[in-house]
Protein backbone atom coordinates (compact mmCIF):
# COMPACT_ATOMS: atom_id res chain seq x y z
CA MET A 1 7.34 16.79 2.21
CA SER A 2 7.09 15.56 -1.36
CA ILE A 3 8.99 13.26 -3.60
CA LYS A 4 8.90 12.67 -7.33
CA LEU A 5 8.31 9.26 -8.72
CA ASP A 6 9.54 8.32 -12.17
CA LEU A 7 6.77 6.25 -13.69
CA ALA A 8 9.27 4.73 -16.13
CA ILE A 9 11.16 2.91 -13.40
CA LEU A 10 8.01 1.62 -11.52
CA PRO A 11 6.75 -1.90 -12.14
CA ALA A 12 3.58 -1.95 -14.17
CA LEU A 13 0.70 -3.89 -12.57
CA ASP A 14 -3.04 -4.26 -13.25
CA ILE A 15 -3.97 -2.18 -10.22
CA LEU A 16 -7.46 -1.51 -11.45
CA GLY A 17 -8.18 -5.18 -12.01
CA MET A 18 -6.60 -6.19 -8.69
CA ALA A 19 -8.76 -3.58 -6.91
CA GLN A 20 -11.90 -4.67 -8.80
CA SER A 21 -11.25 -8.28 -7.94
CA GLY A 22 -10.71 -7.48 -4.25
CA ALA A 23 -6.97 -8.55 -4.19
CA LEU A 24 -6.13 -4.88 -3.30
CA LEU A 25 -8.21 -2.48 -1.17
CA ARG A 26 -7.89 1.24 -0.74
CA ALA A 27 -6.03 2.18 2.34
CA GLU A 28 -7.70 5.71 2.35
CA ARG A 29 -11.07 7.12 1.65
CA GLU A 30 -9.67 9.88 -0.56
CA THR A 31 -6.24 10.45 -2.05
CA PRO A 32 -4.94 13.87 -1.04
CA PRO A 33 -4.58 16.35 -3.99
CA ASP A 34 -0.77 16.05 -3.98
CA GLY A 35 -0.70 12.36 -3.04
CA ILE A 36 -0.84 8.99 -4.70
CA PRO A 37 -3.42 6.20 -4.20
CA VAL A 38 -2.36 3.72 -1.43
CA PHE A 39 -3.60 0.19 -1.35
CA VAL A 40 -3.37 -2.62 1.16
CA THR A 41 -3.57 -6.23 0.17
CA ARG A 42 -6.68 -8.29 1.00
CA ALA A 43 -4.66 -10.44 3.26
CA GLY A 44 -3.36 -7.37 5.05
CA TRP A 45 -6.85 -5.98 5.46
CA ASP A 46 -8.04 -9.27 6.80
CA GLU A 47 -5.19 -9.45 9.27
CA LEU A 48 -5.86 -5.91 10.46
CA SER A 49 -9.54 -6.71 10.80
CA ALA A 50 -8.97 -9.81 12.76
CA THR A 51 -6.49 -8.11 15.01
CA HIS A 52 -8.25 -4.69 15.63
CA ALA A 53 -11.84 -5.00 14.63
CA GLU A 54 -12.96 -8.57 15.05
CA HIS A 55 -16.04 -7.82 17.12
CA HIS A 56 -17.16 -4.73 15.09
CA ASP A 57 -20.17 -4.99 12.83
CA ALA A 58 -18.56 -2.59 10.41
CA PRO A 59 -14.75 -3.05 10.67
CA HIS A 60 -14.02 -0.56 7.99
CA THR A 61 -15.29 2.26 10.19
CA VAL A 62 -12.65 1.41 12.72
CA LEU A 63 -9.83 0.37 10.42
CA LEU A 64 -9.98 2.89 7.58
CA PRO A 65 -9.31 6.05 9.62
CA ALA A 66 -6.39 4.33 11.39
CA LEU A 67 -5.05 2.87 8.17
CA GLU A 68 -5.19 6.24 6.44
CA LYS A 69 -2.99 7.74 9.24
CA ALA A 70 -0.60 4.78 9.09
CA ALA A 71 -0.34 5.11 5.32
CA ALA A 72 0.41 8.78 5.54
CA ARG A 73 3.17 8.12 8.10
CA ILE A 74 4.68 5.32 5.95
CA LEU A 75 4.69 7.61 2.95
CA SER A 76 6.27 10.30 4.92
CA HIS A 77 9.03 7.95 6.14
CA ALA A 78 9.60 6.95 2.52
CA ALA A 79 9.89 10.58 1.44
CA GLU A 80 12.31 11.27 4.33
CA ALA A 81 14.42 8.32 3.27
CA ALA A 82 14.44 9.47 -0.39
CA LEU A 83 15.59 12.90 0.56
CA ARG A 84 18.26 11.50 2.88
CA ASN A 85 19.55 9.06 0.21
CA GLY A 86 19.10 11.28 -2.80
CA GLU A 87 16.96 8.74 -4.64
CA MET A 88 13.55 7.01 -4.48
CA THR A 89 13.58 3.26 -4.79
CA PRO A 90 10.37 1.40 -5.94
CA VAL A 91 10.46 -0.94 -2.90
CA LEU A 92 11.20 -0.15 0.61
CA THR A 93 11.20 -2.39 3.73
CA MET A 94 10.87 -0.83 7.16
CA PRO A 95 10.23 -1.98 10.65
CA SER A 96 6.57 -1.62 11.58
CA ASP A 97 4.04 -3.00 14.01
CA LEU A 98 1.16 -2.54 11.54
CA PHE A 99 0.93 -6.24 10.78
CA PRO A 100 1.38 -8.50 13.80
CA SER A 101 2.45 -11.38 11.45
CA ASP A 102 5.66 -9.72 10.28
CA PRO A 103 7.73 -6.91 11.91
CA ASP A 104 8.89 -5.80 8.40
CA LEU A 105 6.52 -3.72 6.30
CA VAL A 106 6.82 -3.42 2.58
CA LEU A 107 6.03 -0.37 0.64
CA ALA A 108 6.04 -0.86 -3.07
CA PHE A 109 5.64 1.95 -5.57
CA VAL A 110 4.08 0.64 -8.78
CA ARG A 111 2.11 2.06 -11.72
CA ASP A 112 -1.12 0.91 -13.31
CA ASN A 113 -0.40 -0.88 -16.58
CA THR A 114 -3.29 0.94 -18.43
CA HIS A 115 -3.16 4.43 -16.84
CA PRO A 116 -0.22 6.64 -16.08
CA VAL A 117 -0.83 6.56 -12.40
CA ALA A 118 1.65 5.82 -9.62
CA CYS A 119 0.28 3.91 -6.66
CA ALA A 120 1.65 2.55 -3.34
CA LEU A 121 1.08 -0.93 -2.05
CA ILE A 122 1.56 -1.70 1.64
CA GLY A 123 1.69 -5.08 3.26
CA THR A 124 4.10 -7.75 4.39
CA ALA A 125 6.35 -9.27 1.80
CA ALA A 126 4.30 -12.55 1.88
CA GLN A 127 0.97 -10.64 1.51
CA ILE A 128 2.17 -8.64 -1.51
CA GLU A 129 3.68 -11.73 -3.07
CA ALA A 130 0.55 -13.69 -2.68
CA ALA A 131 -1.62 -10.89 -4.08
CA LEU A 132 0.64 -10.59 -7.11
CA ARG A 133 0.87 -14.31 -7.70
CA GLY A 134 -2.87 -14.70 -7.36
CA HIS A 135 -3.66 -12.11 -10.00
CA LYS A 136 -2.84 -12.50 -13.63
CA SER A 137 -2.42 -9.30 -15.64
CA PRO A 138 -4.47 -9.12 -18.89
């Protein structure tokens, strides 16, 4: 199932800078050919690591495959909602048990401010707000 995102309506963020600074981390090893890059906030990654991989020497080997599957399901739910509603909104909130700290997951579609690339951010509202507040765009 696919959806079309209008880059003109998506908020522009310094995705590249946020990823380089560690404020955002990839939620997948590779973006599918027909997909968009998905990122999780540093706070979200830290919460997942503490909850599910605290005693692993390499938490990313445990978390990343599971996070990829979760991200694919989240994007699929967003696509289903867009088809049902007849429109795609830049920010969706949905119930999820991904982050134990908050039962509501936020999926925000954004675009990089220097490249015409749509991206998806996943996290709790507090995690995404903190990541955005902590990073100043150039």
